[in-house]
Amino acid sequence: MRGPRLSVIVLLGAVLATFASVVTASASGGPTLVKTIFPGGGSADLANFIRLSSSTALFQANDGTHGIELWTTDGTGAGTRMVKDINPGSGQSYPRYMAVLGSEVLFQADDGTHGEELWKSNGTSAGTSMVKDIDPGSTPSYPQWMTEFDGNVYFDAQDATHGLELWKSDGTSAGTTMVKNIASGSAGSAPEGFTVAGGKLFFSADTAAAGRELWTTDGTSAGTKMVKDIEPGSKGSGPDSLHAFDGDVYFGAGDSTHGYELWKSDGTAAGTKLVKDIYGGAKSSIPVPQVVMGGDLYLVARNAPYGMQVWKTDGTAAGTVQVSDIDPGPNALIYPQTVVTMGGKIFFGAFDAGHGIELWRNSGSMGTGLLMKDIWPGSSGSQPNGMRVVGSTLLFTAFEPTHGTELWRTDGTQSGTKLVKDLLAGSGSSDATVELPLAGVALLSANAGVGDQLYKYTP
């Protein structure tokens, strides 16, 4: 009897060991805590992540003692620390609107004395300082729309004399200057939407004579010009959603003949053209350019009778075509209006009457749409959001009532679309969100029951 009993015990032990290894593999395969930045269950207010180098990132965080300040991480607990208490004590500096310039990041911050001004950091306390008090004294200049172009960071900022205008900085006080007072006097042209395309910096600006139109700059006052008065007169065409593609900038703009439609520009008046009147007539398709794949620019736009769908363009009217046909009609909805590409396919959230808003895949032409998974079965919809590609995996957040809002993944197949981990066990939501891919790892903000903290996940 001793032989069989021993065999059973050995077999049982092997089964338990296998089960334990599966459980361990499952747990270790999910997100892991990098650091509890705000102890005691408070929210660390994680936001505004930017890659400083291939292995380090800067971001804003709150540790409960110093307020919202500038932090850095390399994805390890030891390498995650506050860079500098810019607004000393419990005050908040709110570092945001960041852009990389060489080995530094330029950003907006408030030190409690000068208001929101232009700062820079190389990731060390000693290397973090205010670049320039653009509007001297305690009045803030609110620099934002930070965009690197030709060795400088361009942004808009305001002072009492010129209003909100176009500025640039090379990271030094002397090299931080207003490029041009586009709207003469103190009115301010409020430049925004900075986008580099074809070796030029494009943006929109507002003047009394032309309204908000498309502009470009080479970094000099003389070289800062309105490209074209698309809607003649003071009304303005309202260029928005600027996106670089094939050496031109593509954007939505409106005129009284075509409504708000898809345009492109090479930086000249002659080369600024309507790509296609997608809706037809004076009604508007409200195009939102998204992502480039396979020689085409994909965008979200609406028309009749299909409603809001995904389109693509090669820059010609004939080559601007609809590629999705999900639940055609007035209720058709791409939400959020975000399209990402992975493995030669596009992914996006879309609504249909049978499933609500779920994750879909498309190969770039009509009739190739595929529902990845009905995550919340039925018509309610899981509303996938925060889509980020890390390696060969698409990560996103989604909701269903059993697990709440958690992190999901897909390899582009229906069978490979899965919940990563129920980080906050049960029906509660961890709201795990990919903040930044860094060296093959996804940096996450998530609340696993101890407040919003920093996690990482390797797909």
Protein backbone atom coordinates (compact mmCIF):
# COMPACT_ATOMS: atom_id res chain seq x y z
CA MET A 1 0.00 0.00 0.00
CA ARG A 2 2.92 2.34 0.60
CA GLY A 3 3.81 2.42 -3.14
CA PRO A 4 0.39 3.56 -4.53
CA ARG A 5 -0.12 6.08 -1.67
CA LEU A 6 3.31 7.58 -2.37
CA SER A 7 2.49 7.80 -6.07
CA VAL A 8 -0.75 9.64 -5.35
CA ILE A 9 1.05 12.08 -3.05
CA VAL A 10 3.74 12.71 -5.66
CA LEU A 11 1.09 13.19 -8.36
CA LEU A 12 -0.93 15.57 -6.13
CA GLY A 13 2.22 17.51 -5.35
CA ALA A 14 3.01 17.84 -9.03
CA VAL A 15 -0.52 19.09 -9.78
CA LEU A 16 -0.35 21.65 -6.97
CA ALA A 17 3.06 22.80 -8.13
CA THR A 18 1.79 23.20 -11.68
CA PHE A 19 -1.26 25.14 -10.43
CA ALA A 20 0.96 27.36 -8.31
CA SER A 21 3.24 28.06 -11.25
CA VAL A 22 0.25 29.02 -13.43
CA VAL A 23 -1.08 31.37 -10.75
CA THR A 24 2.36 32.90 -10.28
CA ALA A 25 2.82 33.34 -14.03
CA SER A 26 -0.59 34.97 -14.33
CA ALA A 27 0.10 37.38 -11.45
CA SER A 28 3.59 38.25 -12.64
CA GLY A 29 2.27 38.79 -16.16
CA GLY A 30 0.10 41.71 -15.08
CA PRO A 31 0.99 45.28 -14.12
CA THR A 32 3.38 45.67 -11.18
CA LEU A 33 3.73 48.60 -8.82
CA VAL A 34 6.76 50.76 -9.55
CA LYS A 35 6.40 53.04 -6.56
CA THR A 36 3.81 54.29 -4.10
CA ILE A 37 4.36 57.99 -4.76
CA PHE A 38 1.52 59.22 -2.52
CA PRO A 39 1.48 57.03 0.64
CA GLY A 40 -1.68 56.45 2.59
CA GLY A 41 -4.11 55.98 -0.29
CA GLY A 42 -4.00 59.48 -1.79
CA SER A 43 -3.94 60.06 -5.54
CA ALA A 44 -0.52 60.82 -7.02
CA ASP A 45 -2.15 62.88 -9.84
CA LEU A 46 0.05 61.30 -12.50
CA ALA A 47 0.01 63.12 -15.86
CA ASN A 48 2.05 64.80 -18.60
CA PHE A 49 4.54 61.99 -19.23
CA ILE A 50 7.32 62.67 -21.73
CA ARG A 51 10.32 60.58 -22.78
CA LEU A 52 13.58 62.34 -21.78
CA SER A 53 15.80 59.53 -23.08
CA SER A 54 15.39 55.96 -24.28
CA SER A 55 15.10 54.75 -20.68
CA THR A 56 13.86 57.72 -18.61
CA ALA A 57 10.74 59.84 -18.50
CA LEU A 58 9.60 63.04 -16.81
CA PHE A 59 6.07 63.54 -15.52
CA GLN A 60 4.00 65.35 -12.91
CA ALA A 61 3.13 63.71 -9.60
CA ASN A 62 1.96 64.54 -6.08
CA ASP A 63 3.55 62.83 -3.07
CA GLY A 64 1.18 64.45 -0.57
CA THR A 65 3.94 66.65 0.89
CA HIS A 66 5.27 68.75 -1.98
CA GLY A 67 2.16 69.13 -4.11
CA ILE A 68 2.15 68.46 -7.85
CA GLU A 69 5.78 68.66 -8.95
CA LEU A 70 8.22 67.35 -11.59
CA TRP A 71 9.24 63.69 -11.24
CA THR A 72 11.38 61.25 -13.17
CA THR A 73 11.35 57.47 -13.58
CA ASP A 74 13.33 54.75 -15.33
CA GLY A 75 10.65 52.18 -14.54
CA THR A 76 12.19 51.13 -11.21
CA GLY A 77 11.28 52.15 -7.69
CA ALA A 78 14.81 53.36 -6.96
CA GLY A 79 14.85 55.38 -10.17
CA THR A 80 11.52 57.09 -9.49
CA ARG A 81 11.93 60.36 -7.58
CA MET A 82 10.94 63.99 -7.45
CA VAL A 83 13.27 66.03 -9.65
CA LYS A 84 12.75 69.36 -7.88
CA ASP A 85 10.29 71.06 -5.55
CA ILE A 86 9.78 73.95 -7.97
CA ASN A 87 7.05 75.57 -5.87
CA PRO A 88 8.57 75.00 -2.40
CA GLY A 89 6.56 73.28 0.32
CA SER A 90 3.04 72.08 -0.40
CA GLY A 91 2.49 74.51 -3.27
CA GLN A 92 1.83 73.16 -6.75
CA SER A 93 4.07 73.93 -9.73
CA TYR A 94 1.89 71.94 -12.18
CA PRO A 95 4.62 71.08 -14.75
CA ARG A 96 2.99 70.56 -18.15
CA TYR A 97 3.04 71.36 -21.89
CA MET A 98 6.38 69.59 -22.33
CA ALA A 99 8.72 69.29 -25.32
CA VAL A 100 12.15 67.70 -25.69
CA LEU A 101 15.02 69.92 -26.85
CA GLY A 102 18.29 68.04 -27.03
CA SER A 103 18.99 66.54 -23.61
CA GLU A 104 16.46 68.75 -21.84
CA VAL A 105 12.71 69.14 -21.57
CA LEU A 106 11.09 72.58 -21.74
CA PHE A 107 7.78 73.00 -19.94
CA GLN A 108 5.42 75.36 -18.14
CA ALA A 109 5.63 75.59 -14.34
CA ASP A 110 4.67 77.94 -11.49
CA ASP A 111 7.26 78.53 -8.75
CA GLY A 112 4.82 80.56 -6.62
CA THR A 113 6.64 83.82 -7.36
CA HIS A 114 6.64 84.35 -11.14
CA GLY A 115 3.43 82.59 -12.10
CA GLU A 116 3.30 80.04 -14.95
CA GLU A 117 6.51 80.60 -16.94
CA LEU A 118 8.96 78.70 -19.15
CA TRP A 119 11.19 76.16 -17.37
CA LYS A 120 13.67 73.47 -18.42
CA SER A 121 15.05 70.28 -16.89
CA ASN A 122 17.63 67.62 -17.69
CA GLY A 123 16.16 65.32 -15.06
CA THR A 124 18.29 66.58 -12.15
CA SER A 125 17.50 69.14 -9.47
CA ALA A 126 20.55 71.26 -10.37
CA GLY A 127 19.61 71.12 -14.04
CA THR A 128 16.03 72.34 -13.47
CA SER A 129 15.53 76.11 -13.69
CA MET A 130 13.31 78.83 -15.06
CA VAL A 131 14.37 79.76 -18.59
CA LYS A 132 12.81 83.23 -18.67
CA ASP A 133 10.22 85.32 -16.85
CA ILE A 134 8.46 86.25 -20.09
CA ASP A 135 5.87 88.47 -18.39
CA PRO A 136 8.00 89.97 -15.60
CA GLY A 137 6.85 89.77 -11.99
CA SER A 138 4.09 87.57 -10.66
CA THR A 139 1.91 87.75 -13.78
CA PRO A 140 2.07 84.46 -15.70
CA SER A 141 2.83 84.20 -19.43
CA TYR A 142 1.20 80.73 -19.72
CA PRO A 143 3.55 79.19 -22.33
CA GLN A 144 1.97 76.22 -24.09
CA TRP A 145 1.79 74.30 -27.40
CA MET A 146 5.50 73.43 -26.95
CA THR A 147 6.84 72.02 -30.24
CA GLU A 148 10.46 71.38 -31.25
CA PHE A 149 11.45 72.72 -34.67
CA ASP A 150 14.88 73.39 -36.15
CA GLY A 151 16.78 73.51 -32.85
CA ASN A 152 14.24 75.57 -30.91
CA VAL A 153 11.02 74.98 -29.04
CA TYR A 154 8.13 77.07 -30.37
CA PHE A 155 5.17 77.98 -28.20
CA ASP A 156 2.62 80.67 -27.52
CA ALA A 157 2.98 82.97 -24.52
CA GLN A 158 1.54 86.28 -23.41
CA ASP A 159 2.81 89.51 -21.98
CA ALA A 160 1.08 92.78 -21.14
CA THR A 161 2.35 94.51 -24.28
CA HIS A 162 1.67 91.96 -27.03
CA GLY A 163 -0.97 89.59 -25.72
CA LEU A 164 -0.78 85.89 -26.60
CA GLU A 165 1.77 85.55 -29.43
CA LEU A 166 4.34 83.27 -31.09
CA TRP A 167 7.61 82.69 -29.19
CA LYS A 168 10.63 80.42 -29.50
CA SER A 169 13.41 79.29 -27.16
CA ASP A 170 16.77 77.55 -27.47
CA GLY A 171 16.69 76.83 -23.72
CA THR A 172 18.48 80.04 -22.67
CA SER A 173 17.06 83.34 -21.44
CA ALA A 174 18.77 85.31 -24.19
CA GLY A 175 17.57 82.83 -26.81
CA THR A 176 13.92 83.08 -25.71
CA THR A 177 12.27 85.67 -27.90
CA MET A 178 8.95 86.59 -29.46
CA VAL A 179 9.02 85.58 -33.12
CA LYS A 180 6.36 88.00 -34.32
CA ASN A 181 3.56 90.16 -32.97
CA ILE A 182 1.07 88.71 -35.44
CA ALA A 183 -1.94 90.66 -34.15
CA SER A 184 -0.51 94.14 -33.69
CA GLY A 185 -0.87 95.70 -30.27
CA SER A 186 -1.95 93.75 -27.20
CA ALA A 187 -4.84 91.81 -28.76
CA GLY A 188 -2.81 88.63 -29.33
CA SER A 189 -3.21 86.17 -32.20
CA ALA A 190 -3.40 83.08 -29.91
CA PRO A 191 -1.34 80.77 -32.17
CA GLU A 192 -2.03 77.06 -31.68
CA GLY A 193 -1.87 73.63 -33.26
CA PHE A 194 1.87 73.72 -34.01
CA THR A 195 2.78 70.95 -36.46
CA VAL A 196 6.01 70.29 -38.37
CA ALA A 197 5.52 69.13 -41.96
CA GLY A 198 7.79 69.27 -44.99
CA GLY A 199 10.48 71.17 -43.12
CA LYS A 200 8.08 73.92 -42.08
CA LEU A 201 6.26 74.78 -38.86
CA PHE A 202 2.53 75.28 -39.37
CA PHE A 203 -0.01 76.68 -36.93
CA SER A 204 -3.23 78.65 -36.87
CA ALA A 205 -3.46 82.26 -35.72
CA ASP A 206 -6.24 84.81 -35.33
CA THR A 207 -6.14 88.37 -36.66
CA ALA A 208 -8.82 91.04 -36.90
CA ALA A 209 -8.49 91.22 -40.70
CA ALA A 210 -8.56 87.51 -41.58
CA GLY A 211 -9.90 85.68 -38.52
CA ARG A 212 -8.25 82.35 -37.62
CA GLU A 213 -6.30 81.04 -40.62
CA LEU A 214 -3.29 78.82 -41.45
CA TRP A 215 0.17 80.31 -40.84
CA THR A 216 3.76 79.14 -41.19
CA THR A 217 7.10 80.30 -39.81
CA ASP A 218 10.80 79.79 -40.43
CA GLY A 219 11.63 81.29 -37.03
CA THR A 220 12.01 84.88 -38.20
CA SER A 221 9.51 87.73 -38.12
CA ALA A 222 9.76 88.22 -41.87
CA GLY A 223 9.34 84.50 -42.47
CA THR A 224 6.17 84.25 -40.36
CA LYS A 225 3.24 84.58 -42.74
CA MET A 226 -0.37 83.66 -43.28
CA VAL A 227 -0.40 80.86 -45.83
CA LYS A 228 -3.84 81.52 -47.28
CA ASP A 229 -7.06 83.32 -46.40
CA ILE A 230 -9.17 80.19 -46.95
CA GLU A 231 -12.41 81.93 -45.92
CA PRO A 232 -11.91 85.45 -47.30
CA GLY A 233 -12.65 88.29 -44.91
CA SER A 234 -12.57 88.41 -41.12
CA LYS A 235 -14.61 85.27 -40.42
CA GLY A 236 -11.69 82.82 -40.64
CA SER A 237 -11.66 79.17 -41.73
CA GLY A 238 -10.64 77.84 -38.28
CA PRO A 239 -7.91 75.34 -39.26
CA ASP A 240 -7.78 72.52 -36.73
CA SER A 241 -6.43 68.98 -36.18
CA LEU A 242 -3.21 69.63 -38.14
CA HIS A 243 -1.36 66.45 -39.16
CA ALA A 244 1.82 65.92 -41.20
CA PHE A 245 1.60 63.59 -44.21
CA ASP A 246 3.75 63.18 -47.32
CA GLY A 247 5.49 66.55 -46.94
CA ASP A 248 2.28 68.55 -46.49
CA VAL A 249 0.09 69.47 -43.55
CA TYR A 250 -3.49 68.17 -43.58
CA PHE A 251 -6.22 69.80 -41.53
CA GLY A 252 -9.89 70.58 -41.24
CA ALA A 253 -11.02 74.05 -42.35
CA GLY A 254 -14.28 75.72 -43.28
CA ASP A 255 -15.48 77.99 -46.04
CA SER A 256 -18.97 79.19 -46.93
CA THR A 257 -19.16 76.97 -50.01
CA HIS A 258 -18.04 73.57 -48.72
CA GLY A 259 -18.51 73.73 -44.96
CA TYR A 260 -15.78 72.29 -42.71
CA GLU A 261 -13.79 69.84 -44.84
CA LEU A 262 -10.35 68.27 -45.42
CA TRP A 263 -7.58 70.57 -46.71
CA LYS A 264 -3.84 70.27 -47.30
CA SER A 265 -0.99 72.74 -47.67
CA ASP A 266 2.67 72.78 -48.71
CA GLY A 267 3.12 76.21 -47.11
CA THR A 268 2.21 78.26 -50.18
CA ALA A 269 -1.10 79.86 -51.12
CA ALA A 270 -1.15 78.00 -54.45
CA GLY A 271 -0.38 74.71 -52.71
CA THR A 272 -3.17 75.10 -50.14
CA LYS A 273 -6.15 73.19 -51.47
CA LEU A 274 -9.37 71.46 -50.58
CA VAL A 275 -8.64 67.72 -50.73
CA LYS A 276 -12.26 66.62 -50.97
CA ASP A 277 -15.72 67.86 -50.04
CA ILE A 278 -16.51 64.66 -48.14
CA TYR A 279 -20.03 65.59 -47.06
CA GLY A 280 -20.94 67.51 -50.21
CA GLY A 281 -22.34 71.03 -50.40
CA ALA A 282 -22.21 73.43 -47.49
CA LYS A 283 -22.62 70.72 -44.84
CA SER A 284 -19.51 69.70 -42.89
CA SER A 285 -17.75 66.35 -42.56
CA ILE A 286 -15.63 67.73 -39.65
CA PRO A 287 -12.52 65.68 -40.53
CA VAL A 288 -10.02 64.73 -37.84
CA PRO A 289 -6.75 63.38 -39.33
CA GLN A 290 -5.35 60.56 -37.18
CA VAL A 291 -2.57 58.26 -38.36
CA VAL A 292 -0.49 57.32 -41.41
CA MET A 293 -0.36 53.72 -42.65
CA GLY A 294 0.72 52.20 -45.95
CA GLY A 295 0.97 55.46 -47.89
CA ASP A 296 -2.38 56.80 -46.72
CA LEU A 297 -3.55 59.20 -44.04
CA TYR A 298 -6.46 57.85 -42.01
CA LEU A 299 -9.03 60.22 -40.55
CA VAL A 300 -12.42 60.31 -38.93
CA ALA A 301 -15.15 62.15 -40.88
CA ARG A 302 -18.90 62.10 -41.35
CA ASN A 303 -21.20 62.14 -44.36
CA ALA A 304 -24.64 61.01 -45.43
CA PRO A 305 -25.82 58.29 -45.33
CA TYR A 306 -23.02 56.60 -43.34
CA GLY A 307 -22.59 59.03 -40.43
CA MET A 308 -19.22 59.17 -38.66
CA GLN A 309 -16.78 56.65 -40.12
CA VAL A 310 -13.07 56.10 -40.78
CA TRP A 311 -11.73 57.43 -44.09
CA LYS A 312 -8.33 57.46 -45.77
CA THR A 313 -6.65 59.77 -48.27
CA ASP A 314 -3.61 59.69 -50.52
CA GLY A 315 -3.90 63.46 -51.00
CA THR A 316 -6.21 63.33 -54.02
CA ALA A 317 -9.98 63.66 -54.23
CA ALA A 318 -10.25 60.28 -55.97
CA GLY A 319 -8.00 58.68 -53.36
CA THR A 320 -10.03 59.99 -50.43
CA VAL A 321 -12.41 57.15 -49.62
CA GLN A 322 -14.43 55.71 -46.77
CA VAL A 323 -12.98 52.52 -45.24
CA SER A 324 -15.41 51.65 -42.42
CA ASP A 325 -19.14 51.00 -42.66
CA ILE A 326 -20.08 50.17 -39.08
CA ASP A 327 -23.77 50.69 -38.32
CA PRO A 328 -24.27 53.17 -41.20
CA GLY A 329 -26.75 55.95 -40.55
CA PRO A 330 -27.13 59.05 -38.39
CA ASN A 331 -26.16 57.18 -35.20
CA ALA A 332 -22.81 55.89 -36.55
CA LEU A 333 -20.06 56.93 -34.17
CA ILE A 334 -16.29 56.52 -33.92
CA TYR A 335 -15.52 57.05 -30.24
CA PRO A 336 -13.18 58.26 -29.04
CA GLN A 337 -12.10 59.84 -32.33
CA THR A 338 -8.81 57.97 -32.16
CA VAL A 339 -7.39 55.62 -34.77
CA VAL A 340 -4.16 53.68 -34.18
CA THR A 341 -2.22 51.34 -36.43
CA MET A 342 -0.53 48.03 -35.65
CA GLY A 343 0.62 45.21 -37.91
CA GLY A 344 -0.74 46.78 -41.09
CA LYS A 345 -4.23 47.27 -39.68
CA ILE A 346 -6.10 50.11 -38.00
CA PHE A 347 -7.90 49.88 -34.66
CA PHE A 348 -10.57 52.16 -33.23
CA GLY A 349 -13.63 52.26 -31.02
CA ALA A 350 -16.96 52.30 -32.85
CA PHE A 351 -20.68 52.05 -32.10
CA ASP A 352 -23.20 49.68 -33.50
CA ALA A 353 -26.70 49.02 -32.25
CA GLY A 354 -26.02 45.43 -31.28
CA HIS A 355 -22.83 45.95 -29.27
CA GLY A 356 -22.56 49.60 -28.23
CA ILE A 357 -19.07 51.09 -28.44
CA GLU A 358 -16.46 48.33 -28.74
CA LEU A 359 -13.00 47.79 -30.29
CA TRP A 360 -12.89 47.20 -34.05
CA ARG A 361 -10.17 46.35 -36.58
CA ASN A 362 -10.00 47.28 -40.24
CA SER A 363 -7.55 46.39 -43.02
CA GLY A 364 -7.96 49.73 -44.81
CA SER A 365 -10.95 49.17 -47.08
CA MET A 366 -14.72 48.82 -46.96
CA GLY A 367 -15.98 45.42 -45.87
CA THR A 368 -12.91 44.52 -43.80
CA GLY A 369 -14.22 45.64 -40.40
CA LEU A 370 -13.96 43.10 -37.61
CA LEU A 371 -15.29 43.39 -34.05
CA MET A 372 -12.36 42.36 -31.86
CA LYS A 373 -14.47 41.38 -28.88
CA ASP A 374 -17.83 42.22 -27.37
CA ILE A 375 -16.16 43.01 -24.04
CA TRP A 376 -19.40 44.01 -22.37
CA PRO A 377 -21.80 41.56 -24.02
CA GLY A 378 -24.95 43.11 -25.40
CA SER A 379 -25.66 46.66 -26.52
CA SER A 380 -24.12 48.63 -23.64
CA GLY A 381 -20.54 48.78 -24.94
CA SER A 382 -17.23 48.75 -23.05
CA GLN A 383 -16.08 52.11 -24.50
CA PRO A 384 -12.41 51.25 -25.16
CA ASN A 385 -10.13 54.22 -24.58
CA GLY A 386 -6.49 55.23 -24.11
CA MET A 387 -5.21 53.04 -26.97
CA ARG A 388 -1.41 52.76 -27.09
CA VAL A 389 0.77 50.36 -29.06
CA VAL A 390 3.67 48.81 -27.13
CA GLY A 391 5.75 46.53 -29.34
CA SER A 392 3.31 44.20 -31.10
CA THR A 393 0.53 44.67 -28.55
CA LEU A 394 -2.28 47.21 -28.42
CA LEU A 395 -3.18 48.20 -24.85
CA PHE A 396 -6.38 50.00 -23.91
CA THR A 397 -8.84 50.46 -21.06
CA ALA A 398 -12.36 49.09 -21.18
CA PHE A 399 -15.32 48.62 -18.84
CA GLU A 400 -17.56 45.69 -18.11
CA PRO A 401 -19.57 45.29 -14.90
CA THR A 402 -17.77 42.22 -13.54
CA HIS A 403 -14.29 43.78 -13.39
CA GLY A 404 -14.96 47.52 -13.83
CA THR A 405 -12.61 49.68 -15.93
CA GLU A 406 -9.35 47.78 -16.34
CA LEU A 407 -6.42 47.27 -18.71
CA TRP A 408 -6.99 45.13 -21.79
CA ARG A 409 -4.72 43.97 -24.60
CA THR A 410 -4.96 42.62 -28.13
CA ASP A 411 -2.47 41.11 -30.56
CA GLY A 412 -4.82 41.97 -33.39
CA THR A 413 -6.84 38.76 -33.22
CA GLN A 414 -10.20 38.09 -31.63
CA SER A 415 -8.80 35.25 -29.51
CA GLY A 416 -5.87 37.45 -28.44
CA THR A 417 -8.10 40.25 -27.10
CA LYS A 418 -8.05 39.76 -23.33
CA LEU A 419 -8.24 41.38 -19.93
CA VAL A 420 -4.66 41.91 -18.74
CA LYS A 421 -5.49 41.77 -15.04
CA ASP A 422 -8.29 42.77 -12.69
CA LEU A 423 -5.95 45.09 -10.81
CA LEU A 424 -8.65 46.26 -8.41
CA ALA A 425 -10.29 42.88 -7.78
CA GLY A 426 -14.02 42.68 -8.23
CA SER A 427 -16.35 45.17 -9.86
CA GLY A 428 -14.36 48.23 -8.78
CA SER A 429 -12.21 50.05 -11.33
CA SER A 430 -8.46 50.59 -11.24
CA ASP A 431 -8.76 52.86 -14.31
CA ALA A 432 -5.37 51.52 -15.41
CA THR A 433 -4.19 53.79 -18.23
CA VAL A 434 -1.06 53.65 -20.36
CA GLU A 435 0.73 56.97 -19.86
CA LEU A 436 3.84 56.28 -21.92
CA PRO A 437 5.62 53.37 -23.65
CA LEU A 438 9.24 53.34 -22.44
CA ALA A 439 11.90 50.86 -23.59
CA GLY A 440 9.31 48.18 -24.40
CA VAL A 441 7.45 48.69 -21.12
CA ALA A 442 4.16 50.51 -20.60
CA LEU A 443 4.16 53.02 -17.74
CA LEU A 444 0.70 53.08 -16.20
CA SER A 445 -1.32 55.12 -13.77
CA ALA A 446 -3.70 52.90 -11.82
CA ASN A 447 -5.55 52.63 -8.53
CA ALA A 448 -5.41 49.13 -7.04
CA GLY A 449 -7.02 50.30 -3.80
CA VAL A 450 -4.20 52.53 -2.54
CA GLY A 451 -4.84 55.61 -4.66
CA ASP A 452 -3.59 56.47 -8.12
CA GLN A 453 0.02 55.23 -8.30
CA LEU A 454 2.73 54.39 -10.86
CA TYR A 455 2.74 50.89 -12.36
CA LYS A 456 4.47 49.22 -15.27
CA TYR A 457 3.51 46.40 -17.59
CA THR A 458 5.57 44.41 -20.07
CA PRO A 459 3.30 42.95 -22.77
